[in-house]
Amino acid sequence: MTFTIVFLGWIASLSLHEFLHALVAYLGGDWSVKEKGYLTLNPLKYTHPPYSLVLPMIFLLLGGIGLPGGAVYIETWRLRSSAWRSLVSLAGPAANLLIAIVLSLLLQFAPTDTLAQNSPWPGIAFLAMLQISALVLNLIPLPPFDGYGIIEPYLSDQIRERIDAWRIWIMLIVFLALWNIPLINSMFWLQVYILGIRLGIPFELAIIGLQRFRFWEL
């Protein structure tokens, strides 16, 4: 049950993440997203099997990190201003935050005793923490994360060219650092924990959800 809740919930969150990218792009002047069929919550419109399903699920299974998957292709030259380009990038993380808030409100109805552990609540709590991890990860100000897309319109051509030269390696370096440098790993999960606690997500229940999601280790 926990695996199903998390798997289906994560696919739904990927769809909302990409839909909001597309919606803000449409409002900002890139009407091509409508022609491409992106203005929908249908996950098949955003699915690129290796990147949309396989890779995110591998990250979930290995470390419980919410890695965004599918992508919409925005024709940024159509957008009316640099501010709209930033807003398009910001829309994705905003979707993860919105889902985390909704789930945290739902979790306020979870029992405080052991009854919560024998129910869907651990899966919901873990899914909420996944949204927070996706938010923190996506706001890293480096490509290909949305955090870089937020600041990129305001960078000089020289800085963008230097960053672009490393673009294909940056994500690999970031994930290697997250897994192999304890300080960076601790800093990342500390931010996730602090945001989760501030939203009222029961961390202990989320840990149970993670353990049940990885049921083969039980």
Protein backbone atom coordinates (compact mmCIF):
# COMPACT_ATOMS: atom_id res chain seq x y z
CA MET A 1 0.00 0.00 0.00
CA THR A 2 2.78 2.43 0.92
CA PHE A 3 4.66 1.70 -2.30
CA THR A 4 1.50 2.31 -4.35
CA ILE A 5 0.68 5.57 -2.57
CA VAL A 6 4.19 6.92 -3.06
CA PHE A 7 4.59 5.71 -6.64
CA LEU A 8 1.25 7.05 -7.89
CA GLY A 9 1.53 10.20 -5.78
CA TRP A 10 4.98 10.92 -7.15
CA ILE A 11 3.81 10.52 -10.76
CA ALA A 12 0.95 12.93 -10.04
CA SER A 13 3.36 15.44 -8.50
CA LEU A 14 5.64 15.21 -11.55
CA SER A 15 2.66 16.06 -13.74
CA LEU A 16 1.68 19.08 -11.63
CA HIS A 17 5.32 20.26 -11.52
CA GLU A 18 5.58 20.24 -15.32
CA PHE A 19 2.04 21.53 -15.85
CA LEU A 20 2.80 24.65 -13.82
CA HIS A 21 6.00 25.21 -15.81
CA ALA A 22 3.89 25.07 -18.98
CA LEU A 23 1.02 27.16 -17.62
CA VAL A 24 3.29 30.01 -16.53
CA ALA A 25 5.14 29.83 -19.87
CA TYR A 26 1.79 30.10 -21.66
CA LEU A 27 0.81 33.12 -19.58
CA GLY A 28 4.24 34.62 -20.25
CA GLY A 29 3.93 34.41 -24.02
CA ASP A 30 5.05 30.94 -25.09
CA TRP A 31 1.81 29.74 -26.64
CA SER A 32 3.62 26.80 -28.24
CA VAL A 33 3.14 24.82 -25.02
CA LYS A 34 -0.55 24.53 -25.82
CA GLU A 35 0.22 23.19 -29.29
CA LYS A 36 2.60 20.66 -27.73
CA GLY A 37 -0.17 19.44 -25.43
CA TYR A 38 1.52 20.47 -22.18
CA LEU A 39 -1.48 22.23 -20.67
CA THR A 40 -2.76 19.04 -19.09
CA LEU A 41 -2.19 16.94 -15.99
CA ASN A 42 -1.90 13.81 -18.11
CA PRO A 43 1.49 12.31 -17.11
CA LEU A 44 1.89 10.72 -20.55
CA LYS A 45 2.38 14.21 -22.02
CA TYR A 46 5.50 14.68 -19.91
CA THR A 47 6.83 11.15 -19.96
CA HIS A 48 10.28 10.38 -21.26
CA PRO A 49 10.62 6.82 -19.87
CA PRO A 50 14.32 6.90 -18.85
CA TYR A 51 14.17 10.38 -17.31
CA SER A 52 10.55 10.59 -16.21
CA LEU A 53 10.09 7.20 -14.57
CA VAL A 54 13.21 5.05 -14.43
CA LEU A 55 15.75 7.56 -13.13
CA PRO A 56 13.46 9.15 -10.49
CA MET A 57 12.44 5.71 -9.24
CA ILE A 58 16.09 4.67 -8.95
CA PHE A 59 16.76 7.72 -6.80
CA LEU A 60 13.72 6.96 -4.67
CA LEU A 61 14.84 3.38 -4.16
CA LEU A 62 18.45 4.31 -3.40
CA GLY A 63 18.09 7.30 -1.16
CA GLY A 64 14.58 8.65 -0.95
CA ILE A 65 15.39 11.83 -2.90
CA GLY A 66 12.61 13.39 -4.95
CA LEU A 67 14.25 13.75 -8.35
CA PRO A 68 12.06 15.60 -10.88
CA GLY A 69 11.55 13.61 -14.01
CA GLY A 70 9.59 14.70 -17.09
CA ALA A 71 10.32 17.93 -18.87
CA VAL A 72 8.48 20.50 -20.94
CA TYR A 73 10.34 22.27 -23.69
CA ILE A 74 9.88 26.01 -23.28
CA GLU A 75 10.70 28.34 -26.17
CA THR A 76 12.16 30.99 -23.88
CA TRP A 77 12.63 33.49 -26.68
CA ARG A 78 8.84 33.80 -26.85
CA LEU A 79 8.57 34.91 -23.22
CA ARG A 80 7.89 38.59 -22.71
CA SER A 81 10.65 39.35 -20.20
CA SER A 82 13.43 37.99 -18.02
CA ALA A 83 11.01 38.05 -15.10
CA TRP A 84 8.71 35.62 -16.93
CA ARG A 85 11.66 33.30 -17.61
CA SER A 86 12.39 33.27 -13.88
CA LEU A 87 8.74 32.67 -13.03
CA VAL A 88 8.57 29.72 -15.43
CA SER A 89 11.48 28.07 -13.58
CA LEU A 90 10.05 28.97 -10.17
CA ALA A 91 6.68 27.39 -11.02
CA GLY A 92 8.00 23.82 -10.76
CA PRO A 93 9.39 24.07 -7.21
CA ALA A 94 6.25 26.01 -6.27
CA ALA A 95 4.21 22.97 -7.30
CA ASN A 96 6.25 20.73 -4.97
CA LEU A 97 5.77 23.20 -2.13
CA LEU A 98 2.03 23.38 -2.79
CA ILE A 99 1.70 19.58 -2.71
CA ALA A 100 3.76 19.41 0.48
CA ILE A 101 1.48 21.97 2.13
CA VAL A 102 -1.68 20.10 1.09
CA LEU A 103 -0.27 16.80 2.35
CA SER A 104 0.87 18.40 5.61
CA LEU A 105 -2.67 19.71 6.17
CA LEU A 106 -4.01 16.23 5.49
CA LEU A 107 -1.53 14.77 7.95
CA GLN A 108 -2.98 16.90 10.73
CA PHE A 109 -5.78 14.33 10.84
CA ALA A 110 -3.37 11.40 11.30
CA PRO A 111 -3.66 9.58 14.65
CA THR A 112 -0.85 10.28 17.09
CA ASP A 113 -0.64 6.71 18.36
CA THR A 114 0.45 3.46 16.76
CA LEU A 115 -2.78 3.36 14.73
CA ALA A 116 -1.10 5.78 12.31
CA GLN A 117 1.57 3.19 11.57
CA ASN A 118 -0.99 0.63 10.37
CA SER A 119 -2.61 2.88 7.79
CA PRO A 120 -1.86 4.94 4.66
CA TRP A 121 -0.40 7.76 6.79
CA PRO A 122 3.28 6.68 6.64
CA GLY A 123 3.10 6.66 2.85
CA ILE A 124 1.50 10.10 2.81
CA ALA A 125 4.12 11.46 5.23
CA PHE A 126 6.96 10.03 3.14
CA LEU A 127 5.42 11.46 -0.04
CA ALA A 128 5.24 14.86 1.66
CA MET A 129 8.93 14.70 2.60
CA LEU A 130 9.74 13.71 -0.99
CA GLN A 131 8.12 16.95 -2.12
CA ILE A 132 10.32 18.88 0.29
CA SER A 133 13.44 17.08 -0.94
CA ALA A 134 12.45 17.86 -4.55
CA LEU A 135 11.95 21.51 -3.58
CA VAL A 136 15.37 21.82 -1.92
CA LEU A 137 17.08 19.95 -4.74
CA ASN A 138 15.38 21.96 -7.45
CA LEU A 139 16.36 25.29 -5.91
CA ILE A 140 20.09 24.55 -6.23
CA PRO A 141 21.30 27.47 -8.39
CA LEU A 142 23.11 25.25 -10.88
CA PRO A 143 21.95 23.68 -14.15
CA PRO A 144 19.89 21.69 -14.86
CA PHE A 145 17.94 22.56 -11.72
CA ASP A 146 15.17 25.14 -11.66
CA GLY A 147 17.13 27.27 -9.22
CA TYR A 148 19.56 28.07 -12.02
CA GLY A 149 16.69 28.86 -14.38
CA ILE A 150 15.46 31.44 -11.88
CA ILE A 151 18.72 33.39 -11.86
CA GLU A 152 20.00 32.62 -15.38
CA PRO A 153 18.19 35.52 -17.14
CA TYR A 154 20.13 37.98 -14.98
CA LEU A 155 23.60 36.52 -15.49
CA SER A 156 26.06 37.97 -17.95
CA ASP A 157 26.77 36.15 -21.21
CA GLN A 158 30.29 35.41 -19.99
CA ILE A 159 29.11 33.72 -16.80
CA ARG A 160 26.46 31.71 -18.67
CA GLU A 161 29.05 30.50 -21.19
CA ARG A 162 31.37 29.32 -18.42
CA ILE A 163 28.56 27.48 -16.66
CA ASP A 164 27.27 25.96 -19.91
CA ALA A 165 30.71 24.48 -20.55
CA TRP A 166 30.21 22.35 -17.42
CA ARG A 167 26.48 21.78 -17.81
CA ILE A 168 26.66 18.07 -18.71
CA TRP A 169 28.82 17.34 -15.66
CA ILE A 170 27.20 19.52 -13.01
CA MET A 171 24.28 17.25 -12.12
CA LEU A 172 26.62 14.27 -11.83
CA ILE A 173 28.95 16.28 -9.56
CA VAL A 174 26.01 17.41 -7.40
CA PHE A 175 24.71 13.88 -6.85
CA LEU A 176 28.17 12.46 -6.24
CA ALA A 177 28.67 15.17 -3.62
CA LEU A 178 25.29 14.42 -2.01
CA TRP A 179 26.15 10.74 -1.69
CA ASN A 180 29.86 10.91 -0.90
CA ILE A 181 30.52 14.12 1.04
CA PRO A 182 28.96 13.79 4.51
CA LEU A 183 28.87 17.55 5.14
CA ILE A 184 26.92 18.26 1.94
CA ASN A 185 24.62 15.30 2.57
CA SER A 186 23.94 16.51 6.11
CA MET A 187 23.31 20.08 4.98
CA PHE A 188 20.85 18.92 2.33
CA TRP A 189 18.83 16.70 4.65
CA LEU A 190 18.93 19.30 7.41
CA GLN A 191 17.16 21.74 5.09
CA VAL A 192 14.61 19.07 4.18
CA TYR A 193 14.07 18.26 7.86
CA ILE A 194 13.68 21.91 8.92
CA LEU A 195 11.17 22.69 6.15
CA GLY A 196 9.27 19.48 6.85
CA ILE A 197 9.01 20.20 10.56
CA ARG A 198 7.90 23.79 9.90
CA LEU A 199 5.11 22.45 7.73
CA GLY A 200 4.12 20.06 10.49
CA ILE A 201 5.04 16.85 8.69
CA PRO A 202 5.62 14.08 11.27
CA PHE A 203 9.20 13.06 10.53
CA GLU A 204 8.97 9.77 12.45
CA LEU A 205 5.97 8.74 10.35
CA ALA A 206 7.83 9.68 7.16
CA ILE A 207 10.73 7.41 8.19
CA ILE A 208 8.28 4.53 8.63
CA GLY A 209 6.92 5.37 5.18
CA LEU A 210 10.43 5.24 3.69
CA GLN A 211 11.09 1.88 5.33
CA ARG A 212 7.82 0.45 4.03
CA PHE A 213 8.40 1.89 0.58
CA ARG A 214 11.65 -0.06 0.52
CA PHE A 215 9.77 -3.17 1.59
CA TRP A 216 12.45 -5.58 0.32
CA GLU A 217 14.74 -4.44 3.15
CA LEU A 218 12.25 -5.30 5.90
